[in-house]
Amino acid sequence: MGLKSKIYKILKIWNDVDAVRKGKVGKRMGRRTTGKAAGKVIRKLFK
């Protein structure tokens, strides 16, 4: 695992903790699942 991916992984966890602190977990989880689904659709289109 490279330095860049380690930094991204740490920031993802950091942002999850921040969302819990601010009470916006549902909004964050919704955006993440929507983004993952959109990425899968786009990957299938350009395969």
PDB file of N, CA and C in Angstrom:
ATOM      1  N   MET A   1       0.843  -1.175   0.000  1.00  0.00           N
ATOM      2  CA  MET A   1       0.000   0.000   0.000  1.00  0.00           C
ATOM      3  C   MET A   1       0.887   1.236   0.000  1.00  0.00           C
ATOM      4  N   GLY A   2       0.595   2.133  -0.913  1.00  0.00           N
ATOM      5  CA  GLY A   2       1.399   3.339  -1.025  1.00  0.00           C
ATOM      6  C   GLY A   2       1.006   4.399  -0.017  1.00  0.00           C
ATOM      7  N   LEU A   3       1.815   5.417   0.049  1.00  0.00           N
ATOM      8  CA  LEU A   3       1.594   6.511   0.990  1.00  0.00           C
ATOM      9  C   LEU A   3       0.263   7.211   0.720  1.00  0.00           C
ATOM     10  N   LYS A   4      -0.042   7.438  -0.555  1.00  0.00           N
ATOM     11  CA  LYS A   4      -1.270   8.144  -0.912  1.00  0.00           C
ATOM     12  C   LYS A   4      -2.507   7.381  -0.452  1.00  0.00           C
ATOM     13  N   SER A   5      -2.526   6.061  -0.653  1.00  0.00           N
ATOM     14  CA  SER A   5      -3.690   5.286  -0.240  1.00  0.00           C
ATOM     15  C   SER A   5      -3.809   5.213   1.279  1.00  0.00           C
ATOM     16  N   LYS A   6      -2.682   5.219   1.986  1.00  0.00           N
ATOM     17  CA  LYS A   6      -2.728   5.244   3.449  1.00  0.00           C
ATOM     18  C   LYS A   6      -3.336   6.558   3.933  1.00  0.00           C
ATOM     19  N   ILE A   7      -2.933   7.647   3.299  1.00  0.00           N
ATOM     20  CA  ILE A   7      -3.474   8.958   3.671  1.00  0.00           C
ATOM     21  C   ILE A   7      -4.974   9.006   3.422  1.00  0.00           C
ATOM     22  N   TYR A   8      -5.421   8.495   2.269  1.00  0.00           N
ATOM     23  CA  TYR A   8      -6.852   8.490   1.960  1.00  0.00           C
ATOM     24  C   TYR A   8      -7.632   7.642   2.959  1.00  0.00           C
ATOM     25  N   LYS A   9      -7.071   6.497   3.351  1.00  0.00           N
ATOM     26  CA  LYS A   9      -7.738   5.623   4.315  1.00  0.00           C
ATOM     27  C   LYS A   9      -7.872   6.322   5.671  1.00  0.00           C
ATOM     28  N   ILE A  10      -6.809   6.997   6.105  1.00  0.00           N
ATOM     29  CA  ILE A  10      -6.850   7.725   7.376  1.00  0.00           C
ATOM     30  C   ILE A  10      -7.882   8.850   7.317  1.00  0.00           C
ATOM     31  N   LEU A  11      -7.919   9.571   6.195  1.00  0.00           N
ATOM     32  CA  LEU A  11      -8.869  10.673   6.061  1.00  0.00           C
ATOM     33  C   LEU A  11     -10.308  10.177   6.028  1.00  0.00           C
ATOM     34  N   LYS A  12     -10.545   9.008   5.428  1.00  0.00           N
ATOM     35  CA  LYS A  12     -11.893   8.440   5.396  1.00  0.00           C
ATOM     36  C   LYS A  12     -12.375   8.141   6.814  1.00  0.00           C
ATOM     37  N   ILE A  13     -11.503   7.554   7.617  1.00  0.00           N
ATOM     38  CA  ILE A  13     -11.849   7.262   9.012  1.00  0.00           C
ATOM     39  C   ILE A  13     -12.062   8.565   9.787  1.00  0.00           C
ATOM     40  N   TRP A  14     -11.187   9.525   9.561  1.00  0.00           N
ATOM     41  CA  TRP A  14     -11.277  10.830  10.220  1.00  0.00           C
ATOM     42  C   TRP A  14     -12.637  11.479   9.918  1.00  0.00           C
ATOM     43  N   ASN A  15     -13.042  11.443   8.643  1.00  0.00           N
ATOM     44  CA  ASN A  15     -14.311  12.051   8.251  1.00  0.00           C
ATOM     45  C   ASN A  15     -15.504  11.288   8.815  1.00  0.00           C
ATOM     46  N   ASP A  16     -15.390   9.957   8.954  1.00  0.00           N
ATOM     47  CA  ASP A  16     -16.453   9.182   9.588  1.00  0.00           C
ATOM     48  C   ASP A  16     -16.621   9.618  11.043  1.00  0.00           C
ATOM     49  N   VAL A  17     -15.522   9.771  11.749  1.00  0.00           N
ATOM     50  CA  VAL A  17     -15.567  10.204  13.149  1.00  0.00           C
ATOM     51  C   VAL A  17     -16.168  11.602  13.238  1.00  0.00           C
ATOM     52  N   ASP A  18     -15.784  12.468  12.325  1.00  0.00           N
ATOM     53  CA  ASP A  18     -16.308  13.835  12.312  1.00  0.00           C
ATOM     54  C   ASP A  18     -17.813  13.843  12.061  1.00  0.00           C
ATOM     55  N   ALA A  19     -18.288  12.979  11.166  1.00  0.00           N
ATOM     56  CA  ALA A  19     -19.722  12.890  10.880  1.00  0.00           C
ATOM     57  C   ALA A  19     -20.487  12.417  12.112  1.00  0.00           C
ATOM     58  N   VAL A  20     -19.916  11.474  12.851  1.00  0.00           N
ATOM     59  CA  VAL A  20     -20.557  11.004  14.080  1.00  0.00           C
ATOM     60  C   VAL A  20     -20.642  12.151  15.085  1.00  0.00           C
ATOM     61  N   ARG A  21     -19.563  12.900  15.197  1.00  0.00           N
ATOM     62  CA  ARG A  21     -19.532  14.021  16.142  1.00  0.00           C
ATOM     63  C   ARG A  21     -20.583  15.072  15.798  1.00  0.00           C
ATOM     64  N   LYS A  22     -20.754  15.340  14.497  1.00  0.00           N
ATOM     65  CA  LYS A  22     -21.701  16.375  14.074  1.00  0.00           C
ATOM     66  C   LYS A  22     -23.122  15.845  13.911  1.00  0.00           C
ATOM     67  N   GLY A  23     -23.302  14.530  14.011  1.00  0.00           N
ATOM     68  CA  GLY A  23     -24.631  13.946  13.889  1.00  0.00           C
ATOM     69  C   GLY A  23     -25.121  13.840  12.458  1.00  0.00           C
ATOM     70  N   LYS A  24     -24.205  13.698  11.515  1.00  0.00           N
ATOM     71  CA  LYS A  24     -24.579  13.636  10.098  1.00  0.00           C
ATOM     72  C   LYS A  24     -24.181  12.300   9.471  1.00  0.00           C
ATOM     73  N   VAL A  25     -24.283  11.230  10.258  1.00  0.00           N
ATOM     74  CA  VAL A  25     -23.854   9.917   9.789  1.00  0.00           C
ATOM     75  C   VAL A  25     -24.748   9.431   8.653  1.00  0.00           C
ATOM     76  N   GLY A  26     -26.059   9.596   8.801  1.00  0.00           N
ATOM     77  CA  GLY A  26     -26.998   9.128   7.780  1.00  0.00           C
ATOM     78  C   GLY A  26     -26.749   9.782   6.430  1.00  0.00           C
ATOM     79  N   LYS A  27     -26.522  11.068   6.453  1.00  0.00           N
ATOM     80  CA  LYS A  27     -26.269  11.809   5.216  1.00  0.00           C
ATOM     81  C   LYS A  27     -24.981  11.309   4.554  1.00  0.00           C
ATOM     82  N   ARG A  28     -23.939  11.095   5.372  1.00  0.00           N
ATOM     83  CA  ARG A  28     -22.652  10.626   4.844  1.00  0.00           C
ATOM     84  C   ARG A  28     -22.772   9.228   4.265  1.00  0.00           C
ATOM     85  N   MET A  29     -23.450   8.338   4.973  1.00  0.00           N
ATOM     86  CA  MET A  29     -23.608   6.963   4.487  1.00  0.00           C
ATOM     87  C   MET A  29     -24.410   6.937   3.193  1.00  0.00           C
ATOM     88  N   GLY A  30     -25.427   7.768   3.107  1.00  0.00           N
ATOM     89  CA  GLY A  30     -26.219   7.851   1.880  1.00  0.00           C
ATOM     90  C   GLY A  30     -25.385   8.302   0.698  1.00  0.00           C
ATOM     91  N   ARG A  31     -24.560   9.298   0.922  1.00  0.00           N
ATOM     92  CA  ARG A  31     -23.702   9.793  -0.157  1.00  0.00           C
ATOM     93  C   ARG A  31     -22.682   8.752  -0.588  1.00  0.00           C
ATOM     94  N   ARG A  32     -22.125   8.019   0.398  1.00  0.00           N
ATOM     95  CA  ARG A  32     -21.127   6.997   0.070  1.00  0.00           C
ATOM     96  C   ARG A  32     -21.738   5.866  -0.743  1.00  0.00           C
ATOM     97  N   THR A  33     -22.932   5.402  -0.347  1.00  0.00           N
ATOM     98  CA  THR A  33     -23.561   4.307  -1.096  1.00  0.00           C
ATOM     99  C   THR A  33     -23.981   4.774  -2.486  1.00  0.00           C
ATOM    100  N   THR A  34     -24.466   6.005  -2.587  1.00  0.00           N
ATOM    101  CA  THR A  34     -24.832   6.545  -3.897  1.00  0.00           C
ATOM    102  C   THR A  34     -23.600   6.652  -4.794  1.00  0.00           C
ATOM    103  N   GLY A  35     -22.503   7.107  -4.237  1.00  0.00           N
ATOM    104  CA  GLY A  35     -21.261   7.234  -5.005  1.00  0.00           C
ATOM    105  C   GLY A  35     -20.735   5.891  -5.473  1.00  0.00           C
ATOM    106  N   LYS A  36     -20.819   4.875  -4.604  1.00  0.00           N
ATOM    107  CA  LYS A  36     -20.356   3.541  -4.982  1.00  0.00           C
ATOM    108  C   LYS A  36     -21.219   2.970  -6.107  1.00  0.00           C
ATOM    109  N   ALA A  37     -22.539   3.154  -6.001  1.00  0.00           N
ATOM    110  CA  ALA A  37     -23.453   2.648  -7.035  1.00  0.00           C
ATOM    111  C   ALA A  37     -23.203   3.360  -8.365  1.00  0.00           C
ATOM    112  N   ALA A  38     -23.006   4.664  -8.318  1.00  0.00           N
ATOM    113  CA  ALA A  38     -22.738   5.430  -9.535  1.00  0.00           C
ATOM    114  C   ALA A  38     -21.430   4.978 -10.166  1.00  0.00           C
ATOM    115  N   GLY A  39     -20.429   4.706  -9.340  1.00  0.00           N
ATOM    116  CA  GLY A  39     -19.143   4.232  -9.857  1.00  0.00           C
ATOM    117  C   GLY A  39     -19.270   2.896 -10.564  1.00  0.00           C
ATOM    118  N   LYS A  40     -20.092   1.995 -10.025  1.00  0.00           N
ATOM    119  CA  LYS A  40     -20.299   0.696 -10.662  1.00  0.00           C
ATOM    120  C   LYS A  40     -20.982   0.850 -12.017  1.00  0.00           C
ATOM    121  N   VAL A  41     -21.983   1.725 -12.075  1.00  0.00           N
ATOM    122  CA  VAL A  41     -22.694   1.949 -13.338  1.00  0.00           C
ATOM    123  C   VAL A  41     -21.750   2.533 -14.376  1.00  0.00           C
ATOM    124  N   ILE A  42     -20.961   3.518 -13.993  1.00  0.00           N
ATOM    125  CA  ILE A  42     -20.028   4.163 -14.925  1.00  0.00           C
ATOM    126  C   ILE A  42     -18.978   3.167 -15.397  1.00  0.00           C
ATOM    127  N   ARG A  43     -18.495   2.305 -14.480  1.00  0.00           N
ATOM    128  CA  ARG A  43     -17.518   1.286 -14.868  1.00  0.00           C
ATOM    129  C   ARG A  43     -18.080   0.339 -15.911  1.00  0.00           C
ATOM    130  N   LYS A  44     -19.350  -0.048 -15.743  1.00  0.00           N
ATOM    131  CA  LYS A  44     -19.975  -0.958 -16.706  1.00  0.00           C
ATOM    132  C   LYS A  44     -20.160  -0.288 -18.058  1.00  0.00           C
ATOM    133  N   LEU A  45     -20.441   1.012 -18.065  1.00  0.00           N
ATOM    134  CA  LEU A  45     -20.653   1.744 -19.329  1.00  0.00           C
ATOM    135  C   LEU A  45     -19.362   1.832 -20.144  1.00  0.00           C
ATOM    136  N   PHE A  46     -18.249   2.009 -19.485  1.00  0.00           N
ATOM    137  CA  PHE A  46     -16.987   2.226 -20.182  1.00  0.00           C
ATOM    138  C   PHE A  46     -16.097   0.998 -20.248  1.00  0.00           C
ATOM    139  N   LYS A  47     -16.656  -0.173 -20.019  1.00  0.00           N
ATOM    140  CA  LYS A  47     -15.892  -1.397 -20.091  1.00  0.00           C
ATOM    141  C   LYS A  47     -15.693  -1.860 -21.506  1.00  0.00           C
TER     142      LYS A  47
END
